[in-house]
Each structure stands twice: as C-alpha cells, then as structure tokens.
All heavy atoms as atom14 arrays in JSON, in Angstrom:
{
  "sequence": "FGTLLPVLIFVVFGRLFGRQMRGASTGIPRALSVDLPIFTSLLIGVSA",
  "atom14_mask": [
    [1, 1, 1, 1, 1, 1, 1, 1, 1, 1, 1, 0, 0, 0],
    [1, 1, 1, 1, 0, 0, 0, 0, 0, 0, 0, 0, 0, 0],
    [1, 1, 1, 1, 1, 1, 1, 0, 0, 0, 0, 0, 0, 0],
    [1, 1, 1, 1, 1, 1, 1, 1, 0, 0, 0, 0, 0, 0],
    [1, 1, 1, 1, 1, 1, 1, 1, 0, 0, 0, 0, 0, 0],
    [1, 1, 1, 1, 1, 1, 1, 0, 0, 0, 0, 0, 0, 0],
    [1, 1, 1, 1, 1, 1, 1, 0, 0, 0, 0, 0, 0, 0],
    [1, 1, 1, 1, 1, 1, 1, 1, 0, 0, 0, 0, 0, 0],
    [1, 1, 1, 1, 1, 1, 1, 1, 0, 0, 0, 0, 0, 0],
    [1, 1, 1, 1, 1, 1, 1, 1, 1, 1, 1, 0, 0, 0],
    [1, 1, 1, 1, 1, 1, 1, 0, 0, 0, 0, 0, 0, 0],
    [1, 1, 1, 1, 1, 1, 1, 0, 0, 0, 0, 0, 0, 0],
    [1, 1, 1, 1, 1, 1, 1, 1, 1, 1, 1, 0, 0, 0],
    [1, 1, 1, 1, 0, 0, 0, 0, 0, 0, 0, 0, 0, 0],
    [1, 1, 1, 1, 1, 1, 1, 1, 1, 1, 1, 0, 0, 0],
    [1, 1, 1, 1, 1, 1, 1, 1, 0, 0, 0, 0, 0, 0],
    [1, 1, 1, 1, 1, 1, 1, 1, 1, 1, 1, 0, 0, 0],
    [1, 1, 1, 1, 0, 0, 0, 0, 0, 0, 0, 0, 0, 0],
    [1, 1, 1, 1, 1, 1, 1, 1, 1, 1, 1, 0, 0, 0],
    [1, 1, 1, 1, 1, 1, 1, 1, 1, 0, 0, 0, 0, 0],
    [1, 1, 1, 1, 1, 1, 1, 1, 0, 0, 0, 0, 0, 0],
    [1, 1, 1, 1, 1, 1, 1, 1, 1, 1, 1, 0, 0, 0],
    [1, 1, 1, 1, 0, 0, 0, 0, 0, 0, 0, 0, 0, 0],
    [1, 1, 1, 1, 1, 0, 0, 0, 0, 0, 0, 0, 0, 0],
    [1, 1, 1, 1, 1, 1, 0, 0, 0, 0, 0, 0, 0, 0],
    [1, 1, 1, 1, 1, 1, 1, 0, 0, 0, 0, 0, 0, 0],
    [1, 1, 1, 1, 0, 0, 0, 0, 0, 0, 0, 0, 0, 0],
    [1, 1, 1, 1, 1, 1, 1, 1, 0, 0, 0, 0, 0, 0],
    [1, 1, 1, 1, 1, 1, 1, 0, 0, 0, 0, 0, 0, 0],
    [1, 1, 1, 1, 1, 1, 1, 1, 1, 1, 1, 0, 0, 0],
    [1, 1, 1, 1, 1, 0, 0, 0, 0, 0, 0, 0, 0, 0],
    [1, 1, 1, 1, 1, 1, 1, 1, 0, 0, 0, 0, 0, 0],
    [1, 1, 1, 1, 1, 1, 0, 0, 0, 0, 0, 0, 0, 0],
    [1, 1, 1, 1, 1, 1, 1, 0, 0, 0, 0, 0, 0, 0],
    [1, 1, 1, 1, 1, 1, 1, 1, 0, 0, 0, 0, 0, 0],
    [1, 1, 1, 1, 1, 1, 1, 1, 0, 0, 0, 0, 0, 0],
    [1, 1, 1, 1, 1, 1, 1, 0, 0, 0, 0, 0, 0, 0],
    [1, 1, 1, 1, 1, 1, 1, 1, 0, 0, 0, 0, 0, 0],
    [1, 1, 1, 1, 1, 1, 1, 1, 1, 1, 1, 0, 0, 0],
    [1, 1, 1, 1, 1, 1, 1, 0, 0, 0, 0, 0, 0, 0],
    [1, 1, 1, 1, 1, 1, 0, 0, 0, 0, 0, 0, 0, 0],
    [1, 1, 1, 1, 1, 1, 1, 1, 0, 0, 0, 0, 0, 0],
    [1, 1, 1, 1, 1, 1, 1, 1, 0, 0, 0, 0, 0, 0],
    [1, 1, 1, 1, 1, 1, 1, 1, 0, 0, 0, 0, 0, 0],
    [1, 1, 1, 1, 0, 0, 0, 0, 0, 0, 0, 0, 0, 0],
    [1, 1, 1, 1, 1, 1, 1, 0, 0, 0, 0, 0, 0, 0],
    [1, 1, 1, 1, 1, 1, 0, 0, 0, 0, 0, 0, 0, 0],
    [1, 1, 1, 1, 1, 0, 0, 0, 0, 0, 0, 0, 0, 0]
  ],
  "atom14_positions": [
    [[9.55, 5.03, -15.88], [10.21, 4.84, -14.52], [9.23, 5.33, -13.47], [9.06, 4.73, -12.41], [11.52, 5.6, -14.45], [12.13, 5.5, -13.12], [12.71, 4.26, -12.71], [12.16, 6.57, -12.27], [13.32, 4.2, -11.41], [12.75, 6.55, -11.03], [13.3, 5.28, -10.55], [0.0, 0.0, 0.0], [0.0, 0.0, 0.0], [0.0, 0.0, 0.0]],
    [[8.53, 6.43, -13.71], [7.65, 7.02, -12.71], [6.4, 6.13, -12.52], [5.82, 6.02, -11.49], [0.0, 0.0, 0.0], [0.0, 0.0, 0.0], [0.0, 0.0, 0.0], [0.0, 0.0, 0.0], [0.0, 0.0, 0.0], [0.0, 0.0, 0.0], [0.0, 0.0, 0.0], [0.0, 0.0, 0.0], [0.0, 0.0, 0.0], [0.0, 0.0, 0.0]],
    [[6.06, 5.35, -13.58], [4.91, 4.43, -13.43], [5.38, 3.28, -12.63], [4.54, 2.78, -11.89], [4.48, 3.98, -14.81], [4.09, 5.17, -15.57], [3.33, 3.03, -14.75], [0.0, 0.0, 0.0], [0.0, 0.0, 0.0], [0.0, 0.0, 0.0], [0.0, 0.0, 0.0], [0.0, 0.0, 0.0], [0.0, 0.0, 0.0], [0.0, 0.0, 0.0]],
    [[6.57, 2.79, -12.78], [7.0, 1.57, -12.1], [7.7, 1.94, -10.79], [8.02, 0.94, -10.04], [7.96, 0.79, -13.02], [7.3, 0.3, -14.27], [8.4, -0.34, -15.1], [6.18, -0.62, -14.0], [0.0, 0.0, 0.0], [0.0, 0.0, 0.0], [0.0, 0.0, 0.0], [0.0, 0.0, 0.0], [0.0, 0.0, 0.0], [0.0, 0.0, 0.0]],
    [[7.78, 3.15, -10.35], [8.39, 3.56, -9.1], [7.65, 2.96, -7.88], [8.31, 2.42, -7.0], [8.55, 5.02, -8.98], [9.2, 5.53, -7.74], [10.67, 5.12, -7.71], [9.11, 7.06, -7.71], [0.0, 0.0, 0.0], [0.0, 0.0, 0.0], [0.0, 0.0, 0.0], [0.0, 0.0, 0.0], [0.0, 0.0, 0.0], [0.0, 0.0, 0.0]],
    [[6.35, 3.01, -7.86], [5.67, 2.41, -6.64], [5.89, 0.87, -6.57], [6.07, 0.35, -5.47], [4.17, 2.63, -6.96], [4.14, 3.83, -7.82], [5.43, 3.7, -8.67], [0.0, 0.0, 0.0], [0.0, 0.0, 0.0], [0.0, 0.0, 0.0], [0.0, 0.0, 0.0], [0.0, 0.0, 0.0], [0.0, 0.0, 0.0], [0.0, 0.0, 0.0]],
    [[6.04, 0.19, -7.69], [6.36, -1.25, -7.61], [7.76, -1.44, -7.02], [7.98, -2.34, -6.28], [6.23, -1.93, -9.04], [6.56, -3.31, -8.99], [4.8, -1.68, -9.58], [0.0, 0.0, 0.0], [0.0, 0.0, 0.0], [0.0, 0.0, 0.0], [0.0, 0.0, 0.0], [0.0, 0.0, 0.0], [0.0, 0.0, 0.0], [0.0, 0.0, 0.0]],
    [[8.69, -0.63, -7.49], [10.02, -0.69, -6.99], [10.11, -0.46, -5.51], [10.8, -1.15, -4.81], [10.94, 0.33, -7.75], [12.42, 0.33, -7.43], [13.09, -0.95, -7.86], [13.12, 1.46, -8.1], [0.0, 0.0, 0.0], [0.0, 0.0, 0.0], [0.0, 0.0, 0.0], [0.0, 0.0, 0.0], [0.0, 0.0, 0.0], [0.0, 0.0, 0.0]],
    [[9.41, 0.57, -5.02], [9.41, 0.84, -3.63], [8.81, -0.29, -2.84], [9.28, -0.75, -1.8], [8.59, 2.11, -3.27], [9.39, 3.36, -3.79], [8.26, 2.33, -1.82], [8.58, 4.59, -3.79], [0.0, 0.0, 0.0], [0.0, 0.0, 0.0], [0.0, 0.0, 0.0], [0.0, 0.0, 0.0], [0.0, 0.0, 0.0], [0.0, 0.0, 0.0]],
    [[7.71, -0.93, -3.36], [7.02, -2.03, -2.74], [7.97, -3.22, -2.7], [8.05, -3.93, -1.62], [5.79, -2.39, -3.56], [4.95, -3.41, -2.96], [4.17, -3.15, -1.83], [4.97, -4.75, -3.48], [3.34, -4.11, -1.29], [4.2, -5.7, -2.91], [3.34, -5.42, -1.82], [0.0, 0.0, 0.0], [0.0, 0.0, 0.0], [0.0, 0.0, 0.0]],
    [[8.71, -3.5, -3.74], [9.66, -4.67, -3.81], [10.79, -4.42, -2.79], [11.17, -5.35, -2.12], [10.17, -4.91, -5.22], [11.33, -5.91, -5.23], [9.03, -5.4, -6.06], [0.0, 0.0, 0.0], [0.0, 0.0, 0.0], [0.0, 0.0, 0.0], [0.0, 0.0, 0.0], [0.0, 0.0, 0.0], [0.0, 0.0, 0.0], [0.0, 0.0, 0.0]],
    [[11.32, -3.26, -2.71], [12.39, -2.91, -1.88], [12.0, -3.12, -0.36], [12.66, -3.76, 0.42], [12.99, -1.52, -2.04], [13.87, -1.03, -0.98], [13.73, -1.45, -3.37], [0.0, 0.0, 0.0], [0.0, 0.0, 0.0], [0.0, 0.0, 0.0], [0.0, 0.0, 0.0], [0.0, 0.0, 0.0], [0.0, 0.0, 0.0], [0.0, 0.0, 0.0]],
    [[10.9, -2.54, -0.03], [10.34, -2.79, 1.38], [10.02, -4.18, 1.66], [10.15, -4.66, 2.75], [9.23, -1.82, 1.63], [9.59, -0.43, 2.06], [9.42, 0.63, 1.18], [10.22, -0.28, 3.26], [9.82, 1.91, 1.5], [10.62, 1.1, 3.64], [10.41, 2.12, 2.77], [0.0, 0.0, 0.0], [0.0, 0.0, 0.0], [0.0, 0.0, 0.0]],
    [[9.59, -4.87, 0.63], [9.22, -6.39, 0.8], [10.47, -7.12, 1.03], [10.45, -8.02, 1.86], [0.0, 0.0, 0.0], [0.0, 0.0, 0.0], [0.0, 0.0, 0.0], [0.0, 0.0, 0.0], [0.0, 0.0, 0.0], [0.0, 0.0, 0.0], [0.0, 0.0, 0.0], [0.0, 0.0, 0.0], [0.0, 0.0, 0.0], [0.0, 0.0, 0.0]],
    [[11.58, -6.76, 0.33], [12.86, -7.37, 0.59], [13.45, -7.14, 1.98], [13.93, -8.08, 2.68], [13.88, -7.02, -0.44], [13.65, -7.58, -1.78], [14.31, -8.96, -1.89], [14.34, -9.44, -3.24], [14.74, -10.62, -3.48], [15.18, -11.33, -2.57], [14.77, -10.94, -4.74], [0.0, 0.0, 0.0], [0.0, 0.0, 0.0], [0.0, 0.0, 0.0]],
    [[13.31, -5.89, 2.43], [13.85, -5.43, 3.67], [13.13, -6.0, 4.84], [13.67, -6.46, 5.85], [13.98, -3.98, 3.72], [14.92, -3.22, 2.82], [14.77, -1.72, 2.95], [16.39, -3.71, 3.08], [0.0, 0.0, 0.0], [0.0, 0.0, 0.0], [0.0, 0.0, 0.0], [0.0, 0.0, 0.0], [0.0, 0.0, 0.0], [0.0, 0.0, 0.0]],
    [[11.78, -5.93, 4.77], [10.96, -6.25, 5.95], [10.04, -7.41, 5.73], [9.14, -7.64, 6.54], [10.17, -4.99, 6.3], [11.05, -3.83, 6.62], [11.04, -2.71, 5.74], [11.75, -3.8, 7.81], [11.76, -1.61, 6.03], [12.52, -2.67, 8.07], [12.51, -1.61, 7.23], [0.0, 0.0, 0.0], [0.0, 0.0, 0.0], [0.0, 0.0, 0.0]],
    [[10.19, -8.14, 4.66], [9.26, -9.22, 4.37], [9.21, -10.34, 5.35], [8.23, -10.83, 5.72], [0.0, 0.0, 0.0], [0.0, 0.0, 0.0], [0.0, 0.0, 0.0], [0.0, 0.0, 0.0], [0.0, 0.0, 0.0], [0.0, 0.0, 0.0], [0.0, 0.0, 0.0], [0.0, 0.0, 0.0], [0.0, 0.0, 0.0], [0.0, 0.0, 0.0]],
    [[10.4, -10.68, 5.91], [10.37, -11.81, 6.85], [9.79, -11.32, 8.21], [9.13, -12.15, 8.9], [11.82, -12.29, 7.12], [12.46, -12.78, 5.82], [13.59, -13.82, 6.19], [14.31, -14.21, 5.0], [13.89, -15.04, 4.09], [12.67, -15.6, 4.21], [14.58, -15.35, 3.0], [0.0, 0.0, 0.0], [0.0, 0.0, 0.0], [0.0, 0.0, 0.0]],
    [[9.93, -10.12, 8.59], [9.26, -9.61, 9.81], [7.79, -9.56, 9.68], [7.11, -9.75, 10.65], [9.86, -8.27, 10.11], [11.26, -8.28, 10.47], [11.81, -6.78, 10.6], [11.06, -5.81, 10.5], [13.05, -6.63, 10.84], [0.0, 0.0, 0.0], [0.0, 0.0, 0.0], [0.0, 0.0, 0.0], [0.0, 0.0, 0.0], [0.0, 0.0, 0.0]],
    [[7.3, -9.3, 8.48], [5.84, -9.16, 8.27], [5.19, -10.55, 8.3], [3.94, -10.6, 8.62], [5.58, -8.51, 6.97], [6.15, -7.14, 6.77], [5.24, -5.88, 7.52], [3.85, -5.76, 6.52], [0.0, 0.0, 0.0], [0.0, 0.0, 0.0], [0.0, 0.0, 0.0], [0.0, 0.0, 0.0], [0.0, 0.0, 0.0], [0.0, 0.0, 0.0]],
    [[5.82, -11.6, 8.12], [5.28, -12.96, 8.15], [4.92, -13.4, 9.51], [4.17, -14.3, 9.78], [6.12, -13.93, 7.37], [6.03, -13.74, 5.98], [6.74, -14.87, 5.25], [6.95, -14.5, 3.81], [8.08, -14.5, 3.24], [9.21, -14.8, 3.84], [8.09, -14.13, 1.96], [0.0, 0.0, 0.0], [0.0, 0.0, 0.0], [0.0, 0.0, 0.0]],
    [[5.67, -12.88, 10.52], [5.5, -13.32, 11.92], [4.25, -12.72, 12.52], [3.23, -12.52, 11.91], [0.0, 0.0, 0.0], [0.0, 0.0, 0.0], [0.0, 0.0, 0.0], [0.0, 0.0, 0.0], [0.0, 0.0, 0.0], [0.0, 0.0, 0.0], [0.0, 0.0, 0.0], [0.0, 0.0, 0.0], [0.0, 0.0, 0.0], [0.0, 0.0, 0.0]],
    [[4.31, -12.62, 13.85], [3.14, -12.09, 14.58], [2.92, -10.66, 14.22], [3.77, -9.89, 13.93], [3.46, -12.19, 16.09], [0.0, 0.0, 0.0], [0.0, 0.0, 0.0], [0.0, 0.0, 0.0], [0.0, 0.0, 0.0], [0.0, 0.0, 0.0], [0.0, 0.0, 0.0], [0.0, 0.0, 0.0], [0.0, 0.0, 0.0], [0.0, 0.0, 0.0]],
    [[1.63, -10.28, 14.15], [1.22, -8.91, 13.71], [1.47, -7.91, 14.73], [1.36, -6.73, 14.37], [-0.22, -8.93, 13.23], [-1.03, -9.25, 14.33], [0.0, 0.0, 0.0], [0.0, 0.0, 0.0], [0.0, 0.0, 0.0], [0.0, 0.0, 0.0], [0.0, 0.0, 0.0], [0.0, 0.0, 0.0], [0.0, 0.0, 0.0], [0.0, 0.0, 0.0]],
    [[1.75, -8.31, 15.94], [2.02, -7.27, 17.01], [3.32, -6.54, 16.87], [3.5, -5.43, 17.24], [1.92, -7.94, 18.4], [2.92, -8.96, 18.47], [0.54, -8.52, 18.68], [0.0, 0.0, 0.0], [0.0, 0.0, 0.0], [0.0, 0.0, 0.0], [0.0, 0.0, 0.0], [0.0, 0.0, 0.0], [0.0, 0.0, 0.0], [0.0, 0.0, 0.0]],
    [[4.24, -7.17, 16.23], [5.55, -6.63, 16.11], [5.78, -5.73, 14.74], [6.92, -5.25, 14.55], [0.0, 0.0, 0.0], [0.0, 0.0, 0.0], [0.0, 0.0, 0.0], [0.0, 0.0, 0.0], [0.0, 0.0, 0.0], [0.0, 0.0, 0.0], [0.0, 0.0, 0.0], [0.0, 0.0, 0.0], [0.0, 0.0, 0.0], [0.0, 0.0, 0.0]],
    [[4.77, -5.65, 14.0], [4.86, -4.97, 12.73], [4.7, -3.47, 12.97], [3.72, -3.04, 13.56], [3.82, -5.43, 11.68], [3.96, -6.88, 11.42], [3.85, -4.62, 10.49], [2.82, -7.43, 10.61], [0.0, 0.0, 0.0], [0.0, 0.0, 0.0], [0.0, 0.0, 0.0], [0.0, 0.0, 0.0], [0.0, 0.0, 0.0], [0.0, 0.0, 0.0]],
    [[5.67, -2.69, 12.55], [5.57, -1.21, 12.68], [4.37, -0.7, 11.94], [3.99, -1.21, 10.81], [6.84, -0.66, 12.17], [7.71, -1.77, 12.0], [6.95, -3.06, 11.97], [0.0, 0.0, 0.0], [0.0, 0.0, 0.0], [0.0, 0.0, 0.0], [0.0, 0.0, 0.0], [0.0, 0.0, 0.0], [0.0, 0.0, 0.0], [0.0, 0.0, 0.0]],
    [[3.69, 0.39, 12.41], [2.55, 0.93, 11.72], [2.98, 1.43, 10.31], [2.18, 1.47, 9.41], [1.97, 2.05, 12.53], [0.75, 2.7, 11.92], [0.24, 3.81, 12.73], [-1.0, 4.29, 12.28], [-1.12, 5.25, 11.36], [-0.04, 5.78, 10.83], [-2.28, 5.63, 10.89], [0.0, 0.0, 0.0], [0.0, 0.0, 0.0], [0.0, 0.0, 0.0]],
    [[4.2, 1.91, 10.26], [4.7, 2.49, 8.95], [4.67, 1.42, 7.83], [4.49, 1.74, 6.69], [6.1, 3.04, 9.08], [0.0, 0.0, 0.0], [0.0, 0.0, 0.0], [0.0, 0.0, 0.0], [0.0, 0.0, 0.0], [0.0, 0.0, 0.0], [0.0, 0.0, 0.0], [0.0, 0.0, 0.0], [0.0, 0.0, 0.0], [0.0, 0.0, 0.0]],
    [[4.8, 0.19, 8.18], [4.85, -0.86, 7.12], [3.42, -1.47, 6.93], [3.1, -1.77, 5.76], [5.78, -1.91, 7.48], [7.28, -1.61, 7.54], [8.13, -2.75, 7.99], [7.62, -1.17, 6.11], [0.0, 0.0, 0.0], [0.0, 0.0, 0.0], [0.0, 0.0, 0.0], [0.0, 0.0, 0.0], [0.0, 0.0, 0.0], [0.0, 0.0, 0.0]],
    [[2.67, -1.61, 7.96], [1.37, -2.28, 7.82], [0.27, -1.37, 7.26], [-0.55, -1.85, 6.55], [0.95, -2.85, 9.17], [0.7, -1.78, 10.07], [0.0, 0.0, 0.0], [0.0, 0.0, 0.0], [0.0, 0.0, 0.0], [0.0, 0.0, 0.0], [0.0, 0.0, 0.0], [0.0, 0.0, 0.0], [0.0, 0.0, 0.0], [0.0, 0.0, 0.0]],
    [[0.32, -0.07, 7.59], [-0.7, 0.78, 7.15], [-0.24, 1.86, 6.14], [-0.78, 2.1, 5.17], [-1.43, 1.46, 8.38], [-2.48, 2.42, 7.89], [-2.0, 0.43, 9.29], [0.0, 0.0, 0.0], [0.0, 0.0, 0.0], [0.0, 0.0, 0.0], [0.0, 0.0, 0.0], [0.0, 0.0, 0.0], [0.0, 0.0, 0.0], [0.0, 0.0, 0.0]],
    [[0.83, 2.54, 6.53], [1.34, 3.67, 5.84], [1.85, 3.3, 4.4], [1.79, 4.11, 3.47], [2.36, 4.48, 6.62], [1.75, 5.06, 7.86], [0.55, 5.17, 7.91], [2.56, 5.45, 8.73], [0.0, 0.0, 0.0], [0.0, 0.0, 0.0], [0.0, 0.0, 0.0], [0.0, 0.0, 0.0], [0.0, 0.0, 0.0], [0.0, 0.0, 0.0]],
    [[2.58, 2.2, 4.32], [3.16, 1.86, 2.98], [2.14, 1.68, 1.93], [2.36, 2.27, 0.83], [4.17, 0.63, 3.12], [4.86, 0.23, 1.9], [5.81, 1.35, 1.48], [5.57, -1.04, 2.15], [0.0, 0.0, 0.0], [0.0, 0.0, 0.0], [0.0, 0.0, 0.0], [0.0, 0.0, 0.0], [0.0, 0.0, 0.0], [0.0, 0.0, 0.0]],
    [[1.09, 0.91, 2.08], [0.11, 0.73, 1.0], [-0.61, 2.05, 0.7], [-0.84, 2.41, -0.51], [-0.93, -0.22, 1.57], [-0.16, -1.0, 2.64], [0.81, -0.01, 3.21], [0.0, 0.0, 0.0], [0.0, 0.0, 0.0], [0.0, 0.0, 0.0], [0.0, 0.0, 0.0], [0.0, 0.0, 0.0], [0.0, 0.0, 0.0], [0.0, 0.0, 0.0]],
    [[-0.84, 2.92, 1.75], [-1.47, 4.25, 1.41], [-0.5, 5.13, 0.65], [-0.83, 5.77, -0.27], [-1.88, 4.91, 2.73], [-2.99, 4.15, 3.4], [-2.22, 6.33, 2.57], [-3.35, 4.58, 4.79], [0.0, 0.0, 0.0], [0.0, 0.0, 0.0], [0.0, 0.0, 0.0], [0.0, 0.0, 0.0], [0.0, 0.0, 0.0], [0.0, 0.0, 0.0]],
    [[0.79, 5.09, 1.07], [1.82, 5.86, 0.36], [1.96, 5.4, -1.06], [2.04, 6.29, -1.94], [3.18, 5.78, 1.09], [4.3, 6.35, 0.3], [4.42, 7.77, 0.22], [5.29, 5.57, -0.24], [5.44, 8.34, -0.46], [6.32, 6.11, -0.96], [6.42, 7.53, -1.07], [0.0, 0.0, 0.0], [0.0, 0.0, 0.0], [0.0, 0.0, 0.0]],
    [[1.89, 4.16, -1.35], [2.06, 3.62, -2.65], [0.84, 4.01, -3.53], [0.98, 4.46, -4.63], [2.23, 2.16, -2.59], [3.28, 1.8, -1.73], [2.52, 1.55, -4.0], [0.0, 0.0, 0.0], [0.0, 0.0, 0.0], [0.0, 0.0, 0.0], [0.0, 0.0, 0.0], [0.0, 0.0, 0.0], [0.0, 0.0, 0.0], [0.0, 0.0, 0.0]],
    [[-0.36, 3.96, -2.98], [-1.53, 4.34, -3.66], [-1.54, 5.79, -4.04], [-1.88, 6.22, -5.14], [-2.76, 4.05, -2.89], [-2.87, 2.72, -2.59], [0.0, 0.0, 0.0], [0.0, 0.0, 0.0], [0.0, 0.0, 0.0], [0.0, 0.0, 0.0], [0.0, 0.0, 0.0], [0.0, 0.0, 0.0], [0.0, 0.0, 0.0], [0.0, 0.0, 0.0]],
    [[-1.14, 6.7, -3.06], [-1.01, 8.09, -3.31], [0.0, 8.4, -4.39], [-0.14, 9.27, -5.22], [-0.67, 8.85, -2.04], [-1.85, 8.95, -1.07], [-1.36, 9.64, 0.28], [-2.97, 9.78, -1.66], [0.0, 0.0, 0.0], [0.0, 0.0, 0.0], [0.0, 0.0, 0.0], [0.0, 0.0, 0.0], [0.0, 0.0, 0.0], [0.0, 0.0, 0.0]],
    [[1.14, 7.67, -4.37], [2.18, 7.87, -5.4], [1.68, 7.53, -6.74], [1.97, 8.23, -7.76], [3.41, 7.04, -5.04], [4.72, 7.33, -5.7], [5.11, 8.77, -5.42], [5.78, 6.33, -5.23], [0.0, 0.0, 0.0], [0.0, 0.0, 0.0], [0.0, 0.0, 0.0], [0.0, 0.0, 0.0], [0.0, 0.0, 0.0], [0.0, 0.0, 0.0]],
    [[0.89, 6.46, -6.87], [0.33, 6.11, -8.21], [-0.65, 7.22, -8.66], [-0.56, 7.62, -9.8], [-0.44, 4.76, -8.13], [0.54, 3.66, -7.93], [-1.26, 4.52, -9.33], [-0.06, 2.27, -7.57], [0.0, 0.0, 0.0], [0.0, 0.0, 0.0], [0.0, 0.0, 0.0], [0.0, 0.0, 0.0], [0.0, 0.0, 0.0], [0.0, 0.0, 0.0]],
    [[-1.5, 7.69, -7.81], [-2.42, 8.75, -8.22], [-1.76, 10.06, -8.56], [-2.09, 10.67, -9.58], [0.0, 0.0, 0.0], [0.0, 0.0, 0.0], [0.0, 0.0, 0.0], [0.0, 0.0, 0.0], [0.0, 0.0, 0.0], [0.0, 0.0, 0.0], [0.0, 0.0, 0.0], [0.0, 0.0, 0.0], [0.0, 0.0, 0.0], [0.0, 0.0, 0.0]],
    [[-0.8, 10.41, -7.77], [-0.14, 11.72, -7.99], [0.72, 11.7, -9.31], [0.73, 12.59, -10.02], [0.79, 12.08, -6.81], [1.78, 13.21, -7.17], [-0.12, 12.5, -5.64], [0.0, 0.0, 0.0], [0.0, 0.0, 0.0], [0.0, 0.0, 0.0], [0.0, 0.0, 0.0], [0.0, 0.0, 0.0], [0.0, 0.0, 0.0], [0.0, 0.0, 0.0]],
    [[1.35, 10.48, -9.55], [2.11, 10.41, -10.76], [1.23, 10.5, -12.02], [1.6, 11.01, -13.04], [3.0, 9.14, -10.74], [2.18, 8.02, -10.85], [0.0, 0.0, 0.0], [0.0, 0.0, 0.0], [0.0, 0.0, 0.0], [0.0, 0.0, 0.0], [0.0, 0.0, 0.0], [0.0, 0.0, 0.0], [0.0, 0.0, 0.0], [0.0, 0.0, 0.0]],
    [[0.02, 9.82, -11.95], [-0.82, 9.83, -13.07], [-1.39, 11.22, -13.34], [-1.37, 11.7, -14.52], [-2.04, 8.87, -12.85], [0.0, 0.0, 0.0], [0.0, 0.0, 0.0], [0.0, 0.0, 0.0], [0.0, 0.0, 0.0], [0.0, 0.0, 0.0], [0.0, 0.0, 0.0], [0.0, 0.0, 0.0], [0.0, 0.0, 0.0], [0.0, 0.0, 0.0]]
  ]
}
C-alpha cells in the first residue's frame, strides 16, 4: 500500500482537477502544476 500510495494520490488529484489542467495554463494553481509532482517524487523516495 505504501508503494502504491503515490499512484493513488496522483489518480485522486487527476480525477479532481484533471479537467481544469487541460485548459489554459494560466488558471492552474501552483500546487497542482509544480508541487504535486515534487510531492509525489519525495513520497516515493521517503517510502523506499
């Protein structure tokens, strides 16, 4: 479960904000465009 947790977080945020991300890039919050991939990468490294 700890190994698949980043994938689960990624899928949940993709479901919640996926349609907003496809539009213009000016309306994308920084937390989704930059922080989410960094957070997911850190979560993978820390769990390992």
